[in-house]
């Protein structure tokens, strides 16, 4: 009985790991597709947005939504 429970647990963990990998690969592919389509911004733009959002959160304001460029 104990070995059967361990087998079920291991199967569940492996299934989760597989799903996690599939989702990670899909996210990476989406990022590459966006980059190839010109949908990206410079690090300086990103850093400025993060600074702005951080200062807004410090005073309780809602951060702006990122631009979809």
N, C-alpha and C. Protein backbone atom coordinates (compact mmCIF):
# COMPACT_ATOMS: atom_id res chain seq x y z
N UNK A 1 0.82 -1.20 0.00
CA UNK A 1 0.00 0.00 0.00
C UNK A 1 0.86 1.26 0.00
N UNK A 2 1.89 1.27 0.83
CA UNK A 2 2.78 2.43 0.92
C UNK A 2 3.43 2.74 -0.43
N UNK A 3 3.90 1.71 -1.12
CA UNK A 3 4.57 1.91 -2.41
C UNK A 3 3.60 2.43 -3.46
N UNK A 4 2.35 2.01 -3.35
CA UNK A 4 1.34 2.50 -4.28
C UNK A 4 1.11 4.00 -4.07
N UNK A 5 1.06 4.44 -2.83
CA UNK A 5 0.87 5.85 -2.53
C UNK A 5 2.06 6.68 -3.00
N UNK A 6 3.26 6.14 -2.82
CA UNK A 6 4.48 6.82 -3.31
C UNK A 6 4.43 6.92 -4.83
N UNK A 7 4.00 5.86 -5.49
CA UNK A 7 3.91 5.87 -6.96
C UNK A 7 2.93 6.94 -7.44
N UNK A 8 1.81 7.05 -6.76
CA UNK A 8 0.81 8.06 -7.13
C UNK A 8 1.38 9.46 -6.91
N UNK A 9 2.05 9.65 -5.79
CA UNK A 9 2.66 10.94 -5.49
C UNK A 9 3.70 11.31 -6.54
N UNK A 10 4.57 10.37 -6.86
CA UNK A 10 5.61 10.64 -7.87
C UNK A 10 5.00 10.92 -9.24
N UNK A 11 3.96 10.19 -9.60
CA UNK A 11 3.29 10.44 -10.88
C UNK A 11 2.69 11.84 -10.91
N UNK A 12 2.12 12.26 -9.80
CA UNK A 12 1.54 13.61 -9.72
C UNK A 12 2.61 14.68 -9.85
N UNK A 13 3.73 14.47 -9.18
CA UNK A 13 4.83 15.43 -9.25
C UNK A 13 5.37 15.51 -10.67
N UNK A 14 5.56 14.38 -11.31
CA UNK A 14 6.07 14.38 -12.69
C UNK A 14 5.08 15.03 -13.65
N UNK A 15 3.80 14.79 -13.42
CA UNK A 15 2.78 15.44 -14.26
C UNK A 15 2.84 16.96 -14.09
N UNK A 16 2.96 17.41 -12.85
CA UNK A 16 3.06 18.84 -12.59
C UNK A 16 4.31 19.43 -13.23
N UNK A 17 5.44 18.74 -13.10
CA UNK A 17 6.69 19.22 -13.69
C UNK A 17 6.57 19.32 -15.21
N UNK A 18 5.94 18.35 -15.82
CA UNK A 18 5.74 18.36 -17.27
C UNK A 18 4.88 19.54 -17.69
N UNK A 19 3.77 19.76 -16.98
CA UNK A 19 2.88 20.88 -17.29
C UNK A 19 3.61 22.21 -17.09
N UNK A 20 4.38 22.31 -16.03
CA UNK A 20 5.14 23.53 -15.76
C UNK A 20 6.13 23.81 -16.89
N UNK A 21 6.79 22.78 -17.37
CA UNK A 21 7.75 22.94 -18.47
C UNK A 21 7.05 23.36 -19.75
N UNK A 22 5.91 22.75 -20.03
CA UNK A 22 5.15 23.11 -21.23
C UNK A 22 4.73 24.58 -21.18
N UNK A 23 4.26 25.03 -20.01
CA UNK A 23 3.85 26.43 -19.87
C UNK A 23 5.04 27.38 -19.98
N UNK A 24 6.17 26.99 -19.43
CA UNK A 24 7.37 27.83 -19.52
C UNK A 24 7.82 27.97 -20.96
N UNK A 25 7.83 26.86 -21.69
CA UNK A 25 8.24 26.90 -23.10
C UNK A 25 7.28 27.76 -23.91
N UNK A 26 5.98 27.65 -23.64
CA UNK A 26 5.00 28.48 -24.35
C UNK A 26 5.22 29.96 -24.06
N UNK A 27 5.54 30.29 -22.82
CA UNK A 27 5.80 31.69 -22.47
C UNK A 27 7.04 32.23 -23.14
N UNK A 28 8.08 31.41 -23.19
CA UNK A 28 9.31 31.81 -23.87
C UNK A 28 9.05 32.01 -25.35
N UNK A 29 8.30 31.09 -25.96
CA UNK A 29 7.98 31.21 -27.38
C UNK A 29 7.18 32.48 -27.65
N UNK A 30 6.23 32.80 -26.76
CA UNK A 30 5.44 34.02 -26.93
C UNK A 30 6.34 35.24 -26.87
N UNK A 31 7.29 35.24 -25.94
CA UNK A 31 8.23 36.35 -25.85
C UNK A 31 9.07 36.50 -27.11
N UNK A 32 9.53 35.38 -27.64
CA UNK A 32 10.31 35.43 -28.89
C UNK A 32 9.47 35.91 -30.05
N UNK A 33 8.21 35.44 -30.11
CA UNK A 33 7.31 35.89 -31.18
C UNK A 33 7.06 37.40 -31.07
N UNK A 34 6.82 37.88 -29.85
CA UNK A 34 6.62 39.32 -29.65
C UNK A 34 7.86 40.11 -30.07
N UNK A 35 9.03 39.62 -29.68
CA UNK A 35 10.27 40.31 -30.04
C UNK A 35 10.42 40.37 -31.56
N UNK A 36 10.18 39.24 -32.22
CA UNK A 36 10.31 39.20 -33.69
C UNK A 36 9.29 40.09 -34.37
N UNK A 37 8.14 40.33 -33.72
CA UNK A 37 7.10 41.20 -34.28
C UNK A 37 7.33 42.66 -33.91
N UNK A 38 8.43 42.94 -33.20
CA UNK A 38 8.74 44.32 -32.84
C UNK A 38 8.03 44.80 -31.59
N UNK A 39 7.46 43.89 -30.84
CA UNK A 39 6.74 44.26 -29.61
C UNK A 39 7.68 44.17 -28.42
N UNK A 40 8.49 45.16 -28.28
CA UNK A 40 9.42 45.21 -27.15
C UNK A 40 9.76 46.65 -26.86
N UNK A 41 10.41 46.86 -25.72
CA UNK A 41 10.83 48.22 -25.35
C UNK A 41 12.22 48.13 -24.75
N UNK A 42 12.85 49.26 -24.64
CA UNK A 42 14.21 49.29 -24.12
C UNK A 42 14.20 49.06 -22.61
N UNK A 43 15.34 48.68 -22.09
CA UNK A 43 15.46 48.51 -20.64
C UNK A 43 15.22 49.83 -19.93
N UNK A 44 15.69 50.93 -20.52
CA UNK A 44 15.49 52.24 -19.90
C UNK A 44 14.01 52.56 -19.74
N UNK A 45 13.19 52.23 -20.75
CA UNK A 45 11.75 52.45 -20.65
C UNK A 45 11.14 51.58 -19.55
N UNK A 46 11.56 50.34 -19.50
CA UNK A 46 11.07 49.42 -18.48
C UNK A 46 11.46 49.91 -17.08
N UNK A 47 12.71 50.30 -16.91
CA UNK A 47 13.20 50.76 -15.61
C UNK A 47 12.46 52.02 -15.16
N UNK A 48 12.20 52.94 -16.09
CA UNK A 48 11.47 54.16 -15.75
C UNK A 48 10.05 53.82 -15.29
N UNK A 49 9.40 52.89 -15.98
CA UNK A 49 8.06 52.47 -15.59
C UNK A 49 8.07 51.83 -14.20
N UNK A 50 9.06 51.01 -13.92
CA UNK A 50 9.14 50.36 -12.61
C UNK A 50 9.36 51.38 -11.50
N UNK A 51 10.21 52.38 -11.77
CA UNK A 51 10.42 53.44 -10.77
C UNK A 51 9.13 54.20 -10.52
N UNK A 52 8.40 54.51 -11.60
CA UNK A 52 7.15 55.24 -11.46
C UNK A 52 6.13 54.41 -10.67
N UNK A 53 5.99 53.14 -11.02
CA UNK A 53 5.05 52.27 -10.31
C UNK A 53 5.43 52.13 -8.85
N UNK A 54 6.72 52.01 -8.58
CA UNK A 54 7.19 51.86 -7.20
C UNK A 54 6.87 53.10 -6.38
N UNK A 55 7.09 54.28 -6.95
CA UNK A 55 6.81 55.51 -6.21
C UNK A 55 5.31 55.70 -6.03
N UNK A 56 4.49 55.28 -7.00
CA UNK A 56 3.04 55.38 -6.87
C UNK A 56 2.53 54.45 -5.78
N UNK A 57 3.08 53.25 -5.71
CA UNK A 57 2.65 52.30 -4.69
C UNK A 57 3.04 52.80 -3.29
N UNK A 58 4.14 53.54 -3.21
CA UNK A 58 4.58 54.05 -1.92
C UNK A 58 3.59 55.07 -1.36
N UNK A 59 2.89 55.76 -2.26
CA UNK A 59 1.90 56.75 -1.79
C UNK A 59 0.47 56.24 -1.95
N UNK A 60 0.32 54.96 -2.30
CA UNK A 60 -1.00 54.34 -2.36
C UNK A 60 -1.75 54.51 -3.65
N UNK A 61 -1.11 54.96 -4.72
CA UNK A 61 -1.78 55.11 -6.00
C UNK A 61 -1.74 53.78 -6.74
N UNK A 62 -2.68 53.62 -7.67
CA UNK A 62 -2.71 52.42 -8.50
C UNK A 62 -1.70 52.59 -9.65
N UNK A 63 -0.79 51.60 -9.88
CA UNK A 63 0.18 51.70 -10.98
C UNK A 63 -0.51 51.71 -12.34
N UNK A 64 0.12 52.36 -13.29
CA UNK A 64 -0.42 52.39 -14.65
C UNK A 64 -0.24 51.05 -15.31
N UNK A 65 -1.13 50.75 -16.27
CA UNK A 65 -0.98 49.54 -17.07
C UNK A 65 0.16 49.73 -18.05
N UNK A 66 0.95 48.66 -18.32
CA UNK A 66 2.06 48.81 -19.28
C UNK A 66 1.54 49.06 -20.68
N UNK A 67 2.31 49.81 -21.45
CA UNK A 67 1.97 50.10 -22.83
C UNK A 67 2.21 48.86 -23.67
N UNK A 68 1.30 48.57 -24.58
CA UNK A 68 1.46 47.41 -25.49
C UNK A 68 2.02 47.92 -26.82
N UNK A 69 3.33 48.13 -26.83
CA UNK A 69 3.95 48.62 -28.06
C UNK A 69 4.74 47.53 -28.72
